[in-house]
Amino acid sequence: MTPPKKGITNVVIAIAMEAEAAPFVEFLSLKEDNEFFPKVTPFKAFRGLYEECDVTVVTNGKDEVHGNGVDNVGTVPAAVATFLALQTITSTTSSPPDLLINAGTCGGFRRKGAEIGDVFLTTAVANHDRRIPIPGFTDYGIGHIKSVDVPELANSINAKTGVCTTGNSLDAHDVDEHHMKENDASVKDMEAAAIAWSCELHSVPHFGVKVVTDIVDGEKPTQEEFMENLGSAAKSLQEALPKVIEHVCGRHHHEL
């Protein structure tokens, strides 16, 4: 009789902003690993054991190229940090991580039932600002990628579910609005589709945990509402993530 394959025991959590990651890193007592990423990168990794799972939290670090010192948000640093993290773990453990969770804040769409503070689990990701109207490139530009199905987790933590649409701007113009609707988006961020792309290259299952800081189709300017709610959203994320880890660790993917 063939013994059953082990459940999930190695999890990577990709979080763009340090303010979003800090409460969770502290709660899990994770320690910074200064040898994890190449020295030339600004990325940071925090590692430890929780619920019998090896947990690695990866952040994009601060901007050094332009000297602004702000968080490296957006698709480029997210894709590179994720790719290198998965590559490092695969090379040191002889197998890729069992799961990657992209955690962070997002904008939500009122038309899809989103409210400030809601926790969303992604069902898929796509891009709304990679518009390439050339035959064969259109679908590539959209880059629709399905997330791991997590119906039991959604029920367990009382989370909403939906598509996360990704773009490199915090605000959204009319043409963005059109493509976000085409993507059937419930939430909007600046990294999810890029992170999913890197996961697909490594064949690592993935999904997102997103907390709503602002209403994209609301009345308030996005930047004002985002800054106003970032602190409370980070706290909400810190409350949700341990529950997510507790749920996934030891389970098989089809049990999520």
Protein backbone atom coordinates (compact mmCIF):
# COMPACT_ATOMS: atom_id res chain seq x y z
CA MET A 1 0.00 0.00 0.00
CA THR A 2 1.39 3.38 -1.02
CA PRO A 3 1.59 5.78 1.93
CA PRO A 4 -0.43 8.98 1.49
CA LYS A 5 1.46 12.03 0.32
CA LYS A 6 2.18 14.58 3.01
CA GLY A 7 -0.03 17.58 3.36
CA ILE A 8 1.06 21.21 3.11
CA THR A 9 4.15 21.84 5.27
CA ASN A 10 6.06 24.59 3.44
CA VAL A 11 4.30 27.90 2.81
CA VAL A 12 5.53 31.17 1.32
CA ILE A 13 3.59 34.36 2.02
CA ALA A 14 4.29 37.25 -0.37
CA ILE A 15 3.44 40.70 1.01
CA ALA A 16 4.39 43.87 -0.84
CA MET A 17 4.46 46.48 1.92
CA GLU A 18 6.37 46.20 5.19
CA ALA A 19 3.54 47.88 7.11
CA GLU A 20 1.24 45.09 5.93
CA ALA A 21 3.72 42.36 6.88
CA ALA A 22 5.07 43.62 10.23
CA PRO A 23 2.16 42.63 12.52
CA PHE A 24 2.04 39.11 11.08
CA VAL A 25 5.82 38.63 11.26
CA GLU A 26 5.77 39.74 14.89
CA PHE A 27 2.79 37.54 15.77
CA LEU A 28 4.49 34.43 14.37
CA SER A 29 7.88 35.40 15.88
CA LEU A 30 9.54 35.00 12.49
CA LYS A 31 13.22 35.94 12.19
CA GLU A 32 14.79 37.86 9.32
CA ASP A 33 17.02 35.74 7.09
CA ASN A 34 19.65 38.08 5.65
CA GLU A 35 21.14 35.33 3.47
CA PHE A 36 17.90 34.39 1.70
CA PHE A 37 18.01 36.88 -1.21
CA PRO A 38 21.01 38.03 -3.28
CA LYS A 39 22.69 41.03 -1.66
CA VAL A 40 21.97 43.26 -4.67
CA THR A 41 18.20 43.00 -4.13
CA PRO A 42 16.15 45.07 -1.68
CA PHE A 43 13.85 42.15 -0.83
CA LYS A 44 13.45 40.78 2.70
CA ALA A 45 12.62 37.32 4.03
CA PHE A 46 11.37 36.33 7.48
CA ARG A 47 11.31 32.65 8.39
CA GLY A 48 10.18 30.32 11.13
CA LEU A 49 7.96 27.42 12.15
CA TYR A 50 4.24 27.78 12.85
CA GLU A 51 1.63 25.05 13.21
CA GLU A 52 4.27 22.53 12.05
CA CYS A 53 4.67 24.50 8.82
CA ASP A 54 7.84 26.09 7.53
CA VAL A 55 6.70 29.67 6.91
CA THR A 56 8.59 32.22 4.82
CA VAL A 57 7.25 35.77 4.59
CA VAL A 58 8.69 37.74 1.68
CA THR A 59 8.43 41.50 1.27
CA ASN A 60 9.54 43.71 -1.61
CA GLY A 61 11.71 45.94 0.55
CA LYS A 62 12.31 49.64 0.05
CA ASP A 63 13.20 51.56 -3.11
CA GLU A 64 16.94 52.00 -3.55
CA VAL A 65 17.06 52.65 -7.30
CA HIS A 66 15.38 56.07 -7.08
CA GLY A 67 16.48 56.75 -3.51
CA ASN A 68 12.96 57.39 -2.25
CA GLY A 69 12.93 54.71 0.43
CA VAL A 70 9.28 53.90 -0.20
CA ASP A 71 7.93 50.35 -0.47
CA ASN A 72 8.65 48.61 -3.77
CA VAL A 73 5.04 48.17 -4.83
CA GLY A 74 3.94 47.03 -8.29
CA THR A 75 4.37 44.08 -10.60
CA VAL A 76 8.12 44.20 -11.32
CA PRO A 77 9.46 43.83 -7.75
CA ALA A 78 6.62 41.42 -6.89
CA ALA A 79 7.42 39.07 -9.77
CA VAL A 80 11.19 39.12 -9.14
CA ALA A 81 10.91 38.69 -5.35
CA THR A 82 8.48 35.81 -5.74
CA PHE A 83 10.54 34.08 -8.40
CA LEU A 84 13.75 34.31 -6.36
CA ALA A 85 12.00 33.16 -3.18
CA LEU A 86 10.60 30.07 -4.85
CA GLN A 87 13.92 29.38 -6.54
CA THR A 88 15.84 29.66 -3.26
CA ILE A 89 13.53 27.33 -1.37
CA THR A 90 13.48 24.81 -4.21
CA SER A 91 17.27 24.74 -4.43
CA THR A 92 17.79 24.37 -0.67
CA THR A 93 15.07 21.82 0.05
CA SER A 94 15.12 19.89 -3.26
CA SER A 95 11.41 20.61 -3.79
CA PRO A 96 9.32 23.73 -4.35
CA PRO A 97 7.09 25.13 -1.59
CA ASP A 98 3.70 23.46 -1.22
CA LEU A 99 1.77 26.72 -1.40
CA LEU A 100 2.20 30.45 -1.89
CA ILE A 101 -0.22 32.93 -0.36
CA ASN A 102 -0.23 36.50 -1.66
CA ALA A 103 -1.43 38.62 1.26
CA GLY A 104 -2.07 42.33 1.35
CA THR A 105 -4.47 45.20 0.97
CA CYS A 106 -6.60 46.00 -2.05
CA GLY A 107 -9.27 48.19 -3.48
CA GLY A 108 -12.76 46.70 -3.57
CA PHE A 109 -15.71 47.14 -5.88
CA ARG A 110 -19.01 48.12 -4.34
CA ARG A 111 -20.83 46.62 -7.31
CA LYS A 112 -19.39 43.23 -6.27
CA GLY A 113 -20.39 43.64 -2.64
CA ALA A 114 -17.03 44.81 -1.25
CA GLU A 115 -16.88 46.94 1.89
CA ILE A 116 -13.98 48.48 3.81
CA GLY A 117 -12.29 45.82 5.96
CA ASP A 118 -13.67 42.82 4.02
CA VAL A 119 -11.34 39.85 3.58
CA PHE A 120 -11.33 38.41 0.05
CA LEU A 121 -9.80 35.14 -1.14
CA THR A 122 -8.92 35.17 -4.83
CA THR A 123 -10.54 32.81 -7.30
CA ALA A 124 -8.32 34.08 -10.14
CA VAL A 125 -6.08 37.00 -11.11
CA ALA A 126 -5.75 39.09 -14.28
CA ASN A 127 -4.20 42.33 -15.52
CA HIS A 128 -6.22 45.39 -16.48
CA ASP A 129 -3.41 47.64 -17.72
CA ARG A 130 -1.56 45.30 -20.11
CA ARG A 131 -3.52 46.27 -23.18
CA ILE A 132 -1.95 44.68 -26.28
CA PRO A 133 -4.53 44.69 -29.13
CA ILE A 134 -2.49 42.45 -31.41
CA PRO A 135 -3.66 38.95 -32.41
CA GLY A 136 -2.26 36.39 -29.99
CA PHE A 137 -1.10 39.01 -27.49
CA THR A 138 -4.49 40.06 -26.10
CA ASP A 139 -4.94 37.03 -23.84
CA TYR A 140 -1.28 37.15 -22.84
CA GLY A 141 -1.72 40.77 -21.78
CA ILE A 142 -4.75 39.98 -19.66
CA GLY A 143 -2.84 37.07 -18.16
CA HIS A 144 -5.79 35.36 -16.49
CA ILE A 145 -4.56 32.75 -14.00
CA LYS A 146 -6.79 30.64 -11.78
CA SER A 147 -6.16 30.46 -8.04
CA VAL A 148 -6.31 27.33 -5.91
CA ASP A 149 -9.89 26.60 -4.86
CA VAL A 150 -10.30 27.34 -1.13
CA PRO A 151 -14.05 26.98 -0.37
CA GLU A 152 -13.52 25.44 3.08
CA LEU A 153 -11.14 28.23 4.07
CA ALA A 154 -13.58 30.89 2.89
CA ASN A 155 -16.30 29.36 5.06
CA SER A 156 -13.93 28.94 7.99
CA ILE A 157 -12.84 32.59 8.17
CA ASN A 158 -16.05 34.06 6.74
CA ALA A 159 -14.25 35.56 3.74
CA LYS A 160 -15.66 36.72 0.44
CA THR A 161 -14.25 35.40 -2.84
CA GLY A 162 -13.62 36.86 -6.28
CA VAL A 163 -11.21 37.81 -9.04
CA CYS A 164 -8.33 40.16 -8.24
CA THR A 165 -7.36 42.49 -11.09
CA THR A 166 -3.84 43.92 -11.12
CA GLY A 167 -2.39 47.18 -12.44
CA ASN A 168 0.62 49.39 -11.75
CA SER A 169 -1.35 52.49 -10.78
CA LEU A 170 -3.13 53.16 -7.50
CA ASP A 171 -5.90 55.11 -9.20
CA ALA A 172 -8.07 53.92 -12.09
CA HIS A 173 -9.12 55.77 -15.23
CA ASP A 174 -12.05 55.08 -17.54
CA VAL A 175 -10.14 52.65 -19.74
CA ASP A 176 -9.00 50.78 -16.62
CA GLU A 177 -12.58 50.65 -15.38
CA HIS A 178 -13.66 49.02 -18.64
CA HIS A 179 -11.01 46.30 -18.43
CA MET A 180 -11.57 45.70 -14.72
CA LYS A 181 -15.22 45.02 -15.49
CA GLU A 182 -14.16 42.73 -18.33
CA ASN A 183 -12.03 40.84 -15.79
CA ASP A 184 -15.13 40.48 -13.54
CA ALA A 185 -13.00 41.87 -10.71
CA SER A 186 -14.16 41.98 -7.10
CA VAL A 187 -10.91 43.53 -5.86
CA LYS A 188 -7.95 45.44 -7.36
CA ASP A 189 -4.28 45.45 -6.39
CA MET A 190 -0.80 46.10 -7.81
CA GLU A 191 0.92 42.69 -7.47
CA ALA A 192 -1.32 39.61 -7.55
CA ALA A 193 -1.13 38.77 -11.27
CA ALA A 194 2.67 39.14 -11.28
CA ILE A 195 3.06 36.90 -8.23
CA ALA A 196 0.79 34.28 -9.78
CA TRP A 197 2.89 34.35 -12.97
CA SER A 198 6.07 33.54 -11.04
CA CYS A 199 4.24 30.78 -9.17
CA GLU A 200 3.14 29.23 -12.46
CA LEU A 201 6.76 29.12 -13.66
CA HIS A 202 7.65 27.10 -10.56
CA SER A 203 4.41 25.03 -10.61
CA VAL A 204 3.57 26.25 -7.09
CA PRO A 205 -0.16 26.41 -6.16
CA HIS A 206 -1.24 29.87 -5.04
CA PHE A 207 -4.08 32.11 -3.92
CA GLY A 208 -4.51 35.59 -2.47
CA VAL A 209 -5.78 36.94 0.85
CA LYS A 210 -6.78 40.56 0.36
CA VAL A 211 -8.21 43.11 2.80
CA VAL A 212 -10.16 46.05 1.36
CA THR A 213 -8.77 49.51 2.17
CA ASP A 214 -10.70 51.57 -0.38
CA ILE A 215 -13.73 51.38 -2.64
CA VAL A 216 -12.65 51.72 -6.27
CA ASP A 217 -16.12 52.63 -7.50
CA GLY A 218 -16.84 54.85 -4.49
CA GLU A 219 -16.85 58.61 -3.95
CA LYS A 220 -13.58 59.17 -2.04
CA PRO A 221 -10.21 59.64 -3.80
CA THR A 222 -8.40 56.29 -3.70
CA GLN A 223 -5.18 57.62 -2.16
CA GLU A 224 -7.01 59.33 0.71
CA GLU A 225 -9.15 56.32 1.54
CA PHE A 226 -6.17 53.96 1.25
CA MET A 227 -4.02 55.92 3.73
CA GLU A 228 -6.98 56.39 6.03
CA ASN A 229 -7.61 52.64 6.30
CA LEU A 230 -4.13 51.10 5.86
CA GLY A 231 -3.50 50.71 9.60
CA SER A 232 -6.82 49.01 10.33
CA ALA A 233 -6.47 46.83 7.23
CA ALA A 234 -3.01 45.67 8.32
CA LYS A 235 -4.50 44.71 11.68
CA SER A 236 -7.34 42.85 9.96
CA LEU A 237 -4.79 41.06 7.78
CA GLN A 238 -2.79 40.08 10.87
CA GLU A 239 -5.94 38.61 12.41
CA ALA A 240 -6.86 36.68 9.26
CA LEU A 241 -3.45 35.28 8.29
CA PRO A 242 -2.85 33.06 11.36
CA LYS A 243 -6.28 31.51 10.76
CA VAL A 244 -5.34 30.93 7.13
CA ILE A 245 -2.07 29.24 8.12
CA GLU A 246 -3.81 27.11 10.73
CA HIS A 247 -6.31 25.99 8.10
CA VAL A 248 -3.89 25.12 5.29
CA CYS A 249 -1.03 23.51 7.23
CA GLY A 250 -1.20 19.72 7.14
CA ARG A 251 -4.09 19.64 4.68
CA HIS A 252 -3.95 18.54 1.07
CA HIS A 253 -4.77 21.09 -1.64
CA HIS A 254 -8.11 19.49 -2.45
CA GLU A 255 -9.12 19.93 1.20
CA LEU A 256 -8.68 23.71 1.21
